[in-house]
Amino acid sequence: MKVDERQKSLLKEIVECYIKEIKPIGSKHLCDKFKCSSATIRNEMAILEKLGYIEKNHISSGRIPSEAGYRYYVEYLMEPKELSGEDMLKLQTLFSNKSLTVSDAIEKCLEIISDITNYTSVSLGKESDENVLRQINIIPLDEVKLVALVCTDKGIVKNKQFSIPKDIRMMEVVKISEIINKMLIGTPLPLVGERLEYDIKPIISKQVEQYEAVYGIFYDAFHDFIHNNENIHVVGKSKMLNQPEYNEPSEIKRLISKLEDEEQVRKIEKNDNRDISIYIGSESNFDDNVTVVKTNYSLGGEEGTIAIIGPKRMEYDRVVAVLNILNKWLEEKGD
C-alpha cells in the first residue's frame, strides 16, 4: 500500500513530536494540527499502523513510531536542519585550531559532537595502508629492556617495549635498526614484514649469533603497528543516562557495559561508502535499542569511523547536520 501525502505529513508529525515530547501521540493533537475530524485521523493512523510505521504504546492510547517508521522518516521525510549559532560557535573553535594533530583533532571532534547532540560519540580509527616507513628507533631503558619506536611519513608514531636475552648486547640491536633504516625507509608498511624476512634476516644471521631473537623484536614491532593499529575512543558514555529510554538500572548497566567493551564497540564499524549511514535498532550491529549514525573519515594517514550513539528517538535531522558540517571540515583538513 502506498503512503499518500496526508499520511506522510501525519507520520512526520508523529515522529518529530515524539522525538521532542517523548510522549505517545494521540488523535486530538493531530486533529488540532491538521484541522481534520477525529474519524479521519483515526482512519489514517490505522493505515499507518497496518503498514508498520507506528505502533501502540502499552501505557497510553496514543501511538509512537516503530523502527520502520523511523526508517521511512529518515529516508523520505526528514528535512535538513540548520544548527543554532551556539552549536556553530562550538564547531568553529575546532575548525579554527590549525595546530591540532590527527588524534587530537578526532578526539576534539568527539567531545564537541557529544556536547552538541547530548549523545555518546565514538571513533574507530586505524592507520592507512598508505603509510610508509620513515624510521625505526631503538631506545635502551636498561641492559635488557628497550623501546622500539616506529615512525611513518604521515607523522604517526607507535612504540613497544621489549626485553632481550642477556647474551645479546644492546649495541647489536641498535646496529640492526641502522641496517633496517638504511634498507627499508620508504617501504609501505604492509610490505615491511616481507622485506624483513627476505632482505634483512639473511644479513643479520651473519652478524648476530642470536639473530632469531633480534629479528623477532623488529618483526613484532612492525606486526603490532600494522595489525593492532585500531584506536578506539568513546566520549559521553554518561549521556545515555540522560535518555528516559534507559532509566532502568539493568538497561543502564547493559549499555554502559557494551560501551566499555572494545569488541562490542568495533561492531559499529561497517564497510560502506556512504557519507553518512544511519542504523536504527535491529539494523545496528551494536544494540537493538539504539540508533547509530556514522560517517567515515580519512585524515593525515589515519582512516576510520566517527559514530553517534543515541536512542531510536534521536534528533536525526540535527545529528545529520552536525556530521555533514564535520565531513566538510575533515575533507578540507585532509586536502
C-alpha atoms as a PDB file:
ATOM      1  CA  MET A   1       0.000   0.000   0.000  1.00  0.00           C
ATOM      2  CA  LYS A   2       1.351   3.413  -0.998  1.00  0.00           C
ATOM      3  CA  VAL A   3       1.612   6.214   1.556  1.00  0.00           C
ATOM      4  CA  ASP A   4      -0.258   9.324   0.424  1.00  0.00           C
ATOM      5  CA  GLU A   5       0.716  12.913   1.188  1.00  0.00           C
ATOM      6  CA  ARG A   6      -1.545  13.304   4.210  1.00  0.00           C
ATOM      7  CA  GLN A   7      -0.249  10.077   5.724  1.00  0.00           C
ATOM      8  CA  LYS A   8       3.321  11.268   5.136  1.00  0.00           C
ATOM      9  CA  SER A   9       2.540  14.536   6.922  1.00  0.00           C
ATOM     10  CA  LEU A  10       0.949  12.653   9.812  1.00  0.00           C
ATOM     11  CA  LEU A  11       3.893  10.264  10.128  1.00  0.00           C
ATOM     12  CA  LYS A  12       6.371  13.162  10.026  1.00  0.00           C
ATOM     13  CA  GLU A  13       4.458  14.930  12.790  1.00  0.00           C
ATOM     14  CA  ILE A  14       4.216  11.777  14.918  1.00  0.00           C
ATOM     15  CA  VAL A  15       7.974  11.103  14.617  1.00  0.00           C
ATOM     16  CA  GLU A  16       9.115  14.673  15.253  1.00  0.00           C
ATOM     17  CA  CYS A  17       6.633  15.276  18.063  1.00  0.00           C
ATOM     18  CA  TYR A  18       7.582  12.022  19.800  1.00  0.00           C
ATOM     19  CA  ILE A  19      11.293  12.831  19.457  1.00  0.00           C
ATOM     20  CA  LYS A  20      10.668  16.187  21.128  1.00  0.00           C
ATOM     21  CA  GLU A  21       7.993  15.363  23.714  1.00  0.00           C
ATOM     22  CA  ILE A  22       8.765  11.678  24.453  1.00  0.00           C
ATOM     23  CA  LYS A  23       5.034  11.058  24.770  1.00  0.00           C
ATOM     24  CA  PRO A  24       2.746   8.873  22.625  1.00  0.00           C
ATOM     25  CA  ILE A  25       0.879  10.979  20.060  1.00  0.00           C
ATOM     26  CA  GLY A  26      -2.923  10.925  20.255  1.00  0.00           C
ATOM     27  CA  SER A  27      -5.514  11.767  17.644  1.00  0.00           C
ATOM     28  CA  LYS A  28      -6.518  15.025  19.380  1.00  0.00           C
ATOM     29  CA  HIS A  29      -3.083  16.576  18.815  1.00  0.00           C
ATOM     30  CA  LEU A  30      -3.185  15.579  15.159  1.00  0.00           C
ATOM     31  CA  CYS A  31      -6.758  16.843  14.720  1.00  0.00           C
ATOM     32  CA  ASP A  32      -5.714  20.235  16.063  1.00  0.00           C
ATOM     33  CA  LYS A  33      -2.577  20.300  13.922  1.00  0.00           C
ATOM     34  CA  PHE A  34      -4.151  19.273  10.612  1.00  0.00           C
ATOM     35  CA  LYS A  35      -7.701  20.578  11.120  1.00  0.00           C
ATOM     36  CA  CYS A  36      -9.227  17.177  10.376  1.00  0.00           C
ATOM     37  CA  SER A  37     -12.014  15.240  12.059  1.00  0.00           C
ATOM     38  CA  SER A  38     -11.083  12.646  14.658  1.00  0.00           C
ATOM     39  CA  ALA A  39     -12.606   9.926  12.444  1.00  0.00           C
ATOM     40  CA  THR A  40     -10.313  10.915   9.562  1.00  0.00           C
ATOM     41  CA  ILE A  41      -7.234  10.984  11.771  1.00  0.00           C
ATOM     42  CA  ARG A  42      -8.049   7.641  13.395  1.00  0.00           C
ATOM     43  CA  ASN A  43      -8.543   6.095   9.957  1.00  0.00           C
ATOM     44  CA  GLU A  44      -5.215   7.426   8.691  1.00  0.00           C
ATOM     45  CA  MET A  45      -3.419   6.289  11.846  1.00  0.00           C
ATOM     46  CA  ALA A  46      -4.944   2.834  11.433  1.00  0.00           C
ATOM     47  CA  ILE A  47      -3.449   2.679   7.921  1.00  0.00           C
ATOM     48  CA  LEU A  48      -0.025   3.787   9.185  1.00  0.00           C
ATOM     49  CA  GLU A  49      -0.223   1.183  11.940  1.00  0.00           C
ATOM     50  CA  LYS A  50      -1.181  -1.520   9.433  1.00  0.00           C
ATOM     51  CA  LEU A  51       1.818  -0.514   7.318  1.00  0.00           C
ATOM     52  CA  GLY A  52       4.022  -0.960  10.386  1.00  0.00           C
ATOM     53  CA  TYR A  53       5.147   2.682  10.664  1.00  0.00           C
ATOM     54  CA  ILE A  54       3.552   3.417  14.050  1.00  0.00           C
ATOM     55  CA  GLU A  55       2.641   1.209  16.993  1.00  0.00           C
ATOM     56  CA  LYS A  56       0.546   1.352  20.123  1.00  0.00           C
ATOM     57  CA  ASN A  57       2.160   2.226  23.414  1.00  0.00           C
ATOM     58  CA  HIS A  58       1.067  -0.136  26.180  1.00  0.00           C
ATOM     59  CA  ILE A  59       0.502   2.597  28.749  1.00  0.00           C
ATOM     60  CA  SER A  60      -1.340   5.066  26.524  1.00  0.00           C
ATOM     61  CA  SER A  61      -3.940   5.197  23.772  1.00  0.00           C
ATOM     62  CA  GLY A  62      -1.502   7.222  21.652  1.00  0.00           C
ATOM     63  CA  ARG A  63       0.932   5.915  19.038  1.00  0.00           C
ATOM     64  CA  ILE A  64       4.717   6.012  18.761  1.00  0.00           C
ATOM     65  CA  PRO A  65       6.983   5.488  15.733  1.00  0.00           C
ATOM     66  CA  SER A  66       8.200   1.959  15.020  1.00  0.00           C
ATOM     67  CA  GLU A  67      11.673   1.174  13.680  1.00  0.00           C
ATOM     68  CA  ALA A  68      10.133   1.048  10.203  1.00  0.00           C
ATOM     69  CA  GLY A  69       8.521   4.428  10.867  1.00  0.00           C
ATOM     70  CA  TYR A  70      11.847   5.991  11.840  1.00  0.00           C
ATOM     71  CA  ARG A  71      13.417   4.455   8.733  1.00  0.00           C
ATOM     72  CA  TYR A  72      10.702   5.870   6.453  1.00  0.00           C
ATOM     73  CA  TYR A  73      11.120   9.255   8.128  1.00  0.00           C
ATOM     74  CA  VAL A  74      14.895   9.246   7.650  1.00  0.00           C
ATOM     75  CA  GLU A  75      14.678   8.152   4.015  1.00  0.00           C
ATOM     76  CA  TYR A  76      11.768  10.259   2.779  1.00  0.00           C
ATOM     77  CA  LEU A  77      10.509  12.843   5.274  1.00  0.00           C
ATOM     78  CA  MET A  78      13.469  14.292   7.188  1.00  0.00           C
ATOM     79  CA  GLU A  79      14.442  17.829   6.235  1.00  0.00           C
ATOM     80  CA  PRO A  80      17.907  19.373   6.715  1.00  0.00           C
ATOM     81  CA  LYS A  81      18.193  21.330   9.932  1.00  0.00           C
ATOM     82  CA  GLU A  82      20.251  24.456  10.480  1.00  0.00           C
ATOM     83  CA  LEU A  83      22.384  24.415  13.596  1.00  0.00           C
ATOM     84  CA  SER A  84      21.994  27.164  16.160  1.00  0.00           C
ATOM     85  CA  GLY A  85      24.567  29.913  16.481  1.00  0.00           C
ATOM     86  CA  GLU A  86      25.740  28.379  19.751  1.00  0.00           C
ATOM     87  CA  ASP A  87      26.330  24.983  18.102  1.00  0.00           C
ATOM     88  CA  MET A  88      28.164  26.570  15.180  1.00  0.00           C
ATOM     89  CA  LEU A  89      30.370  28.518  17.586  1.00  0.00           C
ATOM     90  CA  LYS A  90      31.411  25.264  19.287  1.00  0.00           C
ATOM     91  CA  LEU A  91      32.326  23.768  15.918  1.00  0.00           C
ATOM     92  CA  GLN A  92      34.212  26.907  14.894  1.00  0.00           C
ATOM     93  CA  THR A  93      36.507  26.550  17.923  1.00  0.00           C
ATOM     94  CA  LEU A  94      37.568  23.225  16.429  1.00  0.00           C
ATOM     95  CA  PHE A  95      37.799  24.399  12.827  1.00  0.00           C
ATOM     96  CA  SER A  96      39.916  27.452  13.713  1.00  0.00           C
ATOM     97  CA  ASN A  97      42.597  25.432  15.549  1.00  0.00           C
ATOM     98  CA  LYS A  98      45.209  24.709  12.862  1.00  0.00           C
ATOM     99  CA  SER A  99      47.765  23.166  15.200  1.00  0.00           C
ATOM    100  CA  LEU A 100      45.836  20.023  16.215  1.00  0.00           C
ATOM    101  CA  THR A 101      47.407  16.644  15.447  1.00  0.00           C
ATOM    102  CA  VAL A 102      45.275  13.972  13.785  1.00  0.00           C
ATOM    103  CA  SER A 103      44.481  12.150  17.036  1.00  0.00           C
ATOM    104  CA  ASP A 104      43.803  15.420  18.901  1.00  0.00           C
ATOM    105  CA  ALA A 105      41.512  16.647  16.106  1.00  0.00           C
ATOM    106  CA  ILE A 106      39.452  13.461  16.162  1.00  0.00           C
ATOM    107  CA  GLU A 107      39.232  13.450  19.973  1.00  0.00           C
ATOM    108  CA  LYS A 108      38.138  17.091  19.977  1.00  0.00           C
ATOM    109  CA  CYS A 109      35.530  16.233  17.334  1.00  0.00           C
ATOM    110  CA  LEU A 110      34.058  13.607  19.638  1.00  0.00           C
ATOM    111  CA  GLU A 111      33.866  15.985  22.585  1.00  0.00           C
ATOM    112  CA  ILE A 112      32.081  18.669  20.575  1.00  0.00           C
ATOM    113  CA  ILE A 113      29.702  16.205  18.890  1.00  0.00           C
ATOM    114  CA  SER A 114      28.737  14.708  22.248  1.00  0.00           C
ATOM    115  CA  ASP A 115      28.272  18.168  23.734  1.00  0.00           C
ATOM    116  CA  ILE A 116      26.088  19.414  20.867  1.00  0.00           C
ATOM    117  CA  THR A 117      23.929  16.313  20.453  1.00  0.00           C
ATOM    118  CA  ASN A 118      23.854  15.115  24.074  1.00  0.00           C
ATOM    119  CA  TYR A 119      24.557  11.592  22.789  1.00  0.00           C
ATOM    120  CA  THR A 120      27.563   9.277  23.031  1.00  0.00           C
ATOM    121  CA  SER A 121      30.211   9.673  20.323  1.00  0.00           C
ATOM    122  CA  VAL A 122      32.740   7.085  19.195  1.00  0.00           C
ATOM    123  CA  SER A 123      35.727   6.986  16.864  1.00  0.00           C
ATOM    124  CA  LEU A 124      37.300   3.856  15.441  1.00  0.00           C
ATOM    125  CA  GLY A 125      40.479   4.817  13.627  1.00  0.00           C
ATOM    126  CA  LYS A 126      43.386   2.966  12.131  1.00  0.00           C
ATOM    127  CA  GLU A 127      46.475   3.943  10.205  1.00  0.00           C
ATOM    128  CA  SER A 128      46.044   3.852   6.454  1.00  0.00           C
ATOM    129  CA  ASP A 129      47.887   1.314   4.301  1.00  0.00           C
ATOM    130  CA  GLU A 130      49.343   4.343   2.514  1.00  0.00           C
ATOM    131  CA  ASN A 131      51.775   4.914   5.402  1.00  0.00           C
ATOM    132  CA  VAL A 132      55.388   4.176   4.576  1.00  0.00           C
ATOM    133  CA  LEU A 133      58.283   3.594   6.964  1.00  0.00           C
ATOM    134  CA  ARG A 134      60.213   6.712   7.837  1.00  0.00           C
ATOM    135  CA  GLN A 135      62.362   5.430  10.694  1.00  0.00           C
ATOM    136  CA  ILE A 136      62.673   2.881  13.469  1.00  0.00           C
ATOM    137  CA  ASN A 137      64.460   3.930  16.645  1.00  0.00           C
ATOM    138  CA  ILE A 138      65.761   1.745  19.477  1.00  0.00           C
ATOM    139  CA  ILE A 139      65.791   3.413  22.896  1.00  0.00           C
ATOM    140  CA  PRO A 140      67.596   1.406  25.629  1.00  0.00           C
ATOM    141  CA  LEU A 141      65.923   1.560  29.045  1.00  0.00           C
ATOM    142  CA  ASP A 142      68.500  -0.598  30.828  1.00  0.00           C
ATOM    143  CA  GLU A 143      70.745  -3.532  29.951  1.00  0.00           C
ATOM    144  CA  VAL A 144      67.880  -5.826  28.923  1.00  0.00           C
ATOM    145  CA  LYS A 145      64.909  -3.563  28.214  1.00  0.00           C
ATOM    146  CA  LEU A 146      64.342  -1.320  25.226  1.00  0.00           C
ATOM    147  CA  VAL A 147      61.589   0.570  23.430  1.00  0.00           C
ATOM    148  CA  ALA A 148      61.192   0.274  19.664  1.00  0.00           C
ATOM    149  CA  LEU A 149      59.701   3.395  18.023  1.00  0.00           C
ATOM    150  CA  VAL A 150      58.213   3.020  14.536  1.00  0.00           C
ATOM    151  CA  CYS A 151      57.622   6.294  12.641  1.00  0.00           C
ATOM    152  CA  THR A 152      55.806   6.815   9.323  1.00  0.00           C
ATOM    153  CA  ASP A 153      55.903   9.528   6.697  1.00  0.00           C
ATOM    154  CA  LYS A 154      52.458  10.695   7.916  1.00  0.00           C
ATOM    155  CA  GLY A 155      53.898  11.542  11.313  1.00  0.00           C
ATOM    156  CA  ILE A 156      52.324   8.582  13.106  1.00  0.00           C
ATOM    157  CA  VAL A 157      54.464   7.053  15.851  1.00  0.00           C
ATOM    158  CA  LYS A 158      53.939   3.780  17.710  1.00  0.00           C
ATOM    159  CA  ASN A 159      56.116   2.224  20.386  1.00  0.00           C
ATOM    160  CA  LYS A 160      56.518  -1.169  22.011  1.00  0.00           C
ATOM    161  CA  GLN A 161      58.687  -2.302  24.907  1.00  0.00           C
ATOM    162  CA  PHE A 162      60.828  -5.446  24.675  1.00  0.00           C
ATOM    163  CA  SER A 163      63.205  -7.454  26.824  1.00  0.00           C
ATOM    164  CA  ILE A 164      66.241  -9.003  25.131  1.00  0.00           C
ATOM    165  CA  PRO A 165      68.156 -12.141  26.162  1.00  0.00           C
ATOM    166  CA  LYS A 166      71.137 -11.390  28.407  1.00  0.00           C
ATOM    167  CA  ASP A 167      73.567 -12.872  25.893  1.00  0.00           C
ATOM    168  CA  ILE A 168      72.605 -10.210  23.291  1.00  0.00           C
ATOM    169  CA  ARG A 169      74.283  -6.857  23.537  1.00  0.00           C
ATOM    170  CA  MET A 170      72.119  -3.760  23.192  1.00  0.00           C
ATOM    171  CA  MET A 171      74.518  -2.340  20.618  1.00  0.00           C
ATOM    172  CA  GLU A 172      73.795  -5.298  18.330  1.00  0.00           C
ATOM    173  CA  VAL A 173      70.095  -4.436  18.354  1.00  0.00           C
ATOM    174  CA  VAL A 174      70.841  -0.770  17.650  1.00  0.00           C
ATOM    175  CA  LYS A 175      73.124  -1.797  14.791  1.00  0.00           C
ATOM    176  CA  ILE A 176      70.358  -3.887  13.203  1.00  0.00           C
ATOM    177  CA  SER A 177      67.966  -0.930  13.473  1.00  0.00           C
ATOM    178  CA  GLU A 178      70.501   1.121  11.475  1.00  0.00           C
ATOM    179  CA  ILE A 179      70.547  -1.556   8.765  1.00  0.00           C
ATOM    180  CA  ILE A 180      66.739  -1.564   8.650  1.00  0.00           C
ATOM    181  CA  ASN A 181      66.643   2.207   8.390  1.00  0.00           C
ATOM    182  CA  LYS A 182      69.156   2.143   5.567  1.00  0.00           C
ATOM    183  CA  MET A 183      67.375  -0.560   3.557  1.00  0.00           C
ATOM    184  CA  LEU A 184      63.670  -0.190   4.335  1.00  0.00           C
ATOM    185  CA  ILE A 185      62.989   3.542   4.554  1.00  0.00           C
ATOM    186  CA  GLY A 186      60.236   4.374   2.058  1.00  0.00           C
ATOM    187  CA  THR A 187      58.731   0.868   2.172  1.00  0.00           C
ATOM    188  CA  PRO A 188      54.913   0.739   2.535  1.00  0.00           C
ATOM    189  CA  LEU A 189      54.147  -0.678   5.983  1.00  0.00           C
ATOM    190  CA  PRO A 190      52.189  -3.706   4.700  1.00  0.00           C
ATOM    191  CA  LEU A 191      55.342  -4.817   2.827  1.00  0.00           C
ATOM    192  CA  VAL A 192      57.799  -4.342   5.679  1.00  0.00           C
ATOM    193  CA  GLY A 193      57.255  -7.834   7.128  1.00  0.00           C
ATOM    194  CA  GLU A 194      58.040  -9.483   3.802  1.00  0.00           C
ATOM    195  CA  ARG A 195      61.204  -7.431   3.337  1.00  0.00           C
ATOM    196  CA  LEU A 196      62.319  -8.168   6.901  1.00  0.00           C
ATOM    197  CA  GLU A 197      62.088 -11.889   6.146  1.00  0.00           C
ATOM    198  CA  TYR A 198      63.780 -11.921   2.749  1.00  0.00           C
ATOM    199  CA  ASP A 199      66.133  -8.898   2.786  1.00  0.00           C
ATOM    200  CA  ILE A 200      67.054  -8.204   6.433  1.00  0.00           C
ATOM    201  CA  LYS A 201      67.043 -11.642   8.065  1.00  0.00           C
ATOM    202  CA  PRO A 202      69.805 -13.101   5.817  1.00  0.00           C
ATOM    203  CA  ILE A 203      72.037 -10.123   6.668  1.00  0.00           C
ATOM    204  CA  ILE A 204      71.593 -10.214  10.451  1.00  0.00           C
ATOM    205  CA  SER A 205      72.033 -14.014  10.511  1.00  0.00           C
ATOM    206  CA  LYS A 206      75.664 -13.396   9.539  1.00  0.00           C
ATOM    207  CA  GLN A 207      76.248 -10.621  12.074  1.00  0.00           C
ATOM    208  CA  VAL A 208      74.405 -11.703  15.245  1.00  0.00           C
ATOM    209  CA  GLU A 209      74.672 -15.135  16.827  1.00  0.00           C
ATOM    210  CA  GLN A 210      71.198 -14.898  18.444  1.00  0.00           C
ATOM    211  CA  TYR A 211      69.755 -13.381  15.282  1.00  0.00           C
ATOM    212  CA  GLU A 212      66.333 -15.053  15.634  1.00  0.00           C
ATOM    213  CA  ALA A 213      65.676 -13.211  18.912  1.00  0.00           C
ATOM    214  CA  VAL A 214      66.775  -9.877  17.423  1.00  0.00           C
ATOM    215  CA  TYR A 215      64.721 -10.478  14.295  1.00  0.00           C
ATOM    216  CA  GLY A 216      61.700 -11.224  16.499  1.00  0.00           C
ATOM    217  CA  ILE A 217      61.968  -7.803  18.170  1.00  0.00           C
ATOM    218  CA  PHE A 218      61.662  -5.955  14.883  1.00  0.00           C
ATOM    219  CA  TYR A 219      59.099  -8.324  13.421  1.00  0.00           C
ATOM    220  CA  ASP A 220      56.846  -7.926  16.480  1.00  0.00           C
ATOM    221  CA  ALA A 221      57.201  -4.134  16.446  1.00  0.00           C
ATOM    222  CA  PHE A 222      56.068  -3.882  12.821  1.00  0.00           C
ATOM    223  CA  HIS A 223      53.417  -6.574  13.194  1.00  0.00           C
ATOM    224  CA  ASP A 224      51.794  -4.706  16.083  1.00  0.00           C
ATOM    225  CA  PHE A 225      51.900  -1.450  14.148  1.00  0.00           C
ATOM    226  CA  ILE A 226      50.167  -2.950  11.119  1.00  0.00           C
ATOM    227  CA  HIS A 227      47.692  -5.362  12.688  1.00  0.00           C
ATOM    228  CA  ASN A 228      46.886  -3.862  16.089  1.00  0.00           C
ATOM    229  CA  ASN A 229      46.572  -0.271  14.996  1.00  0.00           C
ATOM    230  CA  GLU A 230      42.928   0.423  15.767  1.00  0.00           C
ATOM    231  CA  ASN A 231      42.364   3.364  18.065  1.00  0.00           C
ATOM    232  CA  ILE A 232      39.002   3.397  19.848  1.00  0.00           C
ATOM    233  CA  HIS A 233      37.717   6.442  21.704  1.00  0.00           C
ATOM    234  CA  VAL A 234      34.325   6.728  23.406  1.00  0.00           C
ATOM    235  CA  VAL A 235      33.132  10.105  24.715  1.00  0.00           C
ATOM    236  CA  GLY A 236      29.970  10.882  26.652  1.00  0.00           C
ATOM    237  CA  LYS A 237      29.041   7.437  27.973  1.00  0.00           C
ATOM    238  CA  SER A 238      27.062   9.092  30.744  1.00  0.00           C
ATOM    239  CA  LYS A 239      24.946  10.935  28.151  1.00  0.00           C
ATOM    240  CA  MET A 240      22.994   7.705  27.746  1.00  0.00           C
ATOM    241  CA  LEU A 241      21.852   8.078  31.358  1.00  0.00           C
ATOM    242  CA  ASN A 242      20.024  11.289  30.403  1.00  0.00           C
ATOM    243  CA  GLN A 243      17.719   9.460  27.993  1.00  0.00           C
ATOM    244  CA  PRO A 244      14.433   8.175  29.500  1.00  0.00           C
ATOM    245  CA  GLU A 245      14.629   5.002  27.377  1.00  0.00           C
ATOM    246  CA  TYR A 246      17.487   3.886  29.605  1.00  0.00           C
ATOM    247  CA  ASN A 247      16.247   4.759  33.084  1.00  0.00           C
ATOM    248  CA  GLU A 248      16.050   1.155  34.282  1.00  0.00           C
ATOM    249  CA  PRO A 249      19.208   0.175  36.223  1.00  0.00           C
ATOM    250  CA  SER A 250      19.517  -3.106  34.313  1.00  0.00           C
ATOM    251  CA  GLU A 251      19.310  -1.290  30.958  1.00  0.00           C
ATOM    252  CA  ILE A 252      21.867   1.299  32.041  1.00  0.00           C
ATOM    253  CA  LYS A 253      24.256  -1.413  33.194  1.00  0.00           C
ATOM    254  CA  ARG A 254      23.813  -3.360  29.945  1.00  0.00           C
ATOM    255  CA  LEU A 255      24.500  -0.358  27.690  1.00  0.00           C
ATOM    256  CA  ILE A 256      27.427   1.021  29.685  1.00  0.00           C
ATOM    257  CA  SER A 257      28.942  -2.476  29.714  1.00  0.00           C
ATOM    258  CA  LYS A 258      28.730  -2.586  25.918  1.00  0.00           C
ATOM    259  CA  LEU A 259      30.284   0.877  25.561  1.00  0.00           C
ATOM    260  CA  GLU A 260      33.221  -0.252  27.697  1.00  0.00           C
ATOM    261  CA  ASP A 261      33.725  -3.455  25.677  1.00  0.00           C
ATOM    262  CA  GLU A 262      36.046  -2.798  22.718  1.00  0.00           C
ATOM    263  CA  GLU A 263      34.854  -5.902  20.877  1.00  0.00           C
ATOM    264  CA  GLN A 264      31.272  -4.640  21.093  1.00  0.00           C
ATOM    265  CA  VAL A 265      32.234  -1.109  20.037  1.00  0.00           C
ATOM    266  CA  ARG A 266      34.105  -2.454  16.997  1.00  0.00           C
ATOM    267  CA  LYS A 267      30.785  -3.837  15.722  1.00  0.00           C
ATOM    268  CA  ILE A 268      29.767  -0.250  14.992  1.00  0.00           C
ATOM    269  CA  GLU A 269      32.181  -0.084  12.099  1.00  0.00           C
ATOM    270  CA  LYS A 270      30.606  -1.134   8.806  1.00  0.00           C
ATOM    271  CA  ASN A 271      32.101  -1.294   5.350  1.00  0.00           C
ATOM    272  CA  ASP A 272      30.142   1.109   3.170  1.00  0.00           C
ATOM    273  CA  ASN A 273      30.980   4.161   1.113  1.00  0.00           C
ATOM    274  CA  ARG A 274      28.106   6.440   2.018  1.00  0.00           C
ATOM    275  CA  ASP A 275      28.958   9.829   3.512  1.00  0.00           C
ATOM    276  CA  ILE A 276      26.537   9.285   6.397  1.00  0.00           C
ATOM    277  CA  SER A 277      24.907   5.980   7.371  1.00  0.00           C
ATOM    278  CA  ILE A 278      22.040   5.509   9.816  1.00  0.00           C
ATOM    279  CA  TYR A 279      21.368   2.188  11.558  1.00  0.00           C
ATOM    280  CA  ILE A 280      18.168   2.063  13.586  1.00  0.00           C
ATOM    281  CA  GLY A 281      17.543  -0.506  16.307  1.00  0.00           C
ATOM    282  CA  SER A 282      17.890  -4.013  14.918  1.00  0.00           C
ATOM    283  CA  GLU A 283      19.772  -2.649  11.870  1.00  0.00           C
ATOM    284  CA  SER A 284      22.632  -1.873  14.219  1.00  0.00           C
ATOM    285  CA  ASN A 285      25.278  -4.484  14.957  1.00  0.00           C
ATOM    286  CA  PHE A 286      25.751  -2.843  18.328  1.00  0.00           C
ATOM    287  CA  ASP A 287      22.406  -2.934  20.161  1.00  0.00           C
ATOM    288  CA  ASP A 288      18.716  -3.308  19.235  1.00  0.00           C
ATOM    289  CA  ASN A 289      17.680  -0.408  21.477  1.00  0.00           C
ATOM    290  CA  VAL A 290      19.856   2.336  19.971  1.00  0.00           C
ATOM    291  CA  THR A 291      20.434   4.203  16.736  1.00  0.00           C
ATOM    292  CA  VAL A 292      23.944   4.520  15.331  1.00  0.00           C
ATOM    293  CA  VAL A 293      24.701   7.338  12.882  1.00  0.00           C
ATOM    294  CA  LYS A 294      28.181   7.201  11.443  1.00  0.00           C
ATOM    295  CA  THR A 295      30.493   8.683   8.869  1.00  0.00           C
ATOM    296  CA  ASN A 296      33.878   7.629   7.550  1.00  0.00           C
ATOM    297  CA  TYR A 297      36.968   9.848   7.513  1.00  0.00           C
ATOM    298  CA  SER A 298      40.484   9.883   6.106  1.00  0.00           C
ATOM    299  CA  LEU A 299      42.844  12.360   7.691  1.00  0.00           C
ATOM    300  CA  GLY A 300      46.610  12.650   7.916  1.00  0.00           C
ATOM    301  CA  GLY A 301      47.377   8.984   7.292  1.00  0.00           C
ATOM    302  CA  GLU A 302      44.589   7.774   9.564  1.00  0.00           C
ATOM    303  CA  GLU A 303      41.242   6.480   8.382  1.00  0.00           C
ATOM    304  CA  GLY A 304      38.249   5.330  10.330  1.00  0.00           C
ATOM    305  CA  THR A 305      34.723   5.942  11.544  1.00  0.00           C
ATOM    306  CA  ILE A 306      33.059   8.583  13.698  1.00  0.00           C
ATOM    307  CA  ALA A 307      29.738   7.432  15.124  1.00  0.00           C
ATOM    308  CA  ILE A 308      26.988   8.904  17.276  1.00  0.00           C
ATOM    309  CA  ILE A 309      25.019   6.525  19.505  1.00  0.00           C
ATOM    310  CA  GLY A 310      21.667   7.513  20.939  1.00  0.00           C
ATOM    311  CA  PRO A 311      18.096   6.310  21.380  1.00  0.00           C
ATOM    312  CA  LYS A 312      15.958   5.332  18.405  1.00  0.00           C
ATOM    313  CA  ARG A 313      14.100   8.519  19.310  1.00  0.00           C
ATOM    314  CA  MET A 314      17.091  10.506  18.084  1.00  0.00           C
ATOM    315  CA  GLU A 315      17.118  14.038  16.660  1.00  0.00           C
ATOM    316  CA  TYR A 316      18.107  12.657  13.278  1.00  0.00           C
ATOM    317  CA  ASP A 317      17.997  15.974  11.415  1.00  0.00           C
ATOM    318  CA  ARG A 318      20.303  17.661  13.953  1.00  0.00           C
ATOM    319  CA  VAL A 319      22.752  14.755  14.115  1.00  0.00           C
ATOM    320  CA  VAL A 320      22.985  14.545  10.320  1.00  0.00           C
ATOM    321  CA  ALA A 321      23.513  18.322  10.130  1.00  0.00           C
ATOM    322  CA  VAL A 322      26.428  18.086  12.588  1.00  0.00           C
ATOM    323  CA  LEU A 323      28.064  15.222  10.660  1.00  0.00           C
ATOM    324  CA  ASN A 324      27.588  16.992   7.309  1.00  0.00           C
ATOM    325  CA  ILE A 325      29.452  20.048   8.598  1.00  0.00           C
ATOM    326  CA  LEU A 326      32.106  17.835  10.183  1.00  0.00           C
ATOM    327  CA  ASN A 327      32.570  15.934   6.926  1.00  0.00           C
ATOM    328  CA  LYS A 328      33.255  19.140   5.007  1.00  0.00           C
ATOM    329  CA  TRP A 329      35.842  20.214   7.573  1.00  0.00           C
ATOM    330  CA  LEU A 330      37.589  16.835   7.543  1.00  0.00           C
ATOM    331  CA  GLU A 331      37.732  16.898   3.738  1.00  0.00           C
ATOM    332  CA  GLU A 332      39.253  20.383   3.770  1.00  0.00           C
ATOM    333  CA  LYS A 333      41.732  19.459   6.516  1.00  0.00           C
ATOM    334  CA  GLY A 334      42.723  16.308   4.630  1.00  0.00           C
ATOM    335  CA  ASP A 335      43.457  18.180   1.374  1.00  0.00           C
END
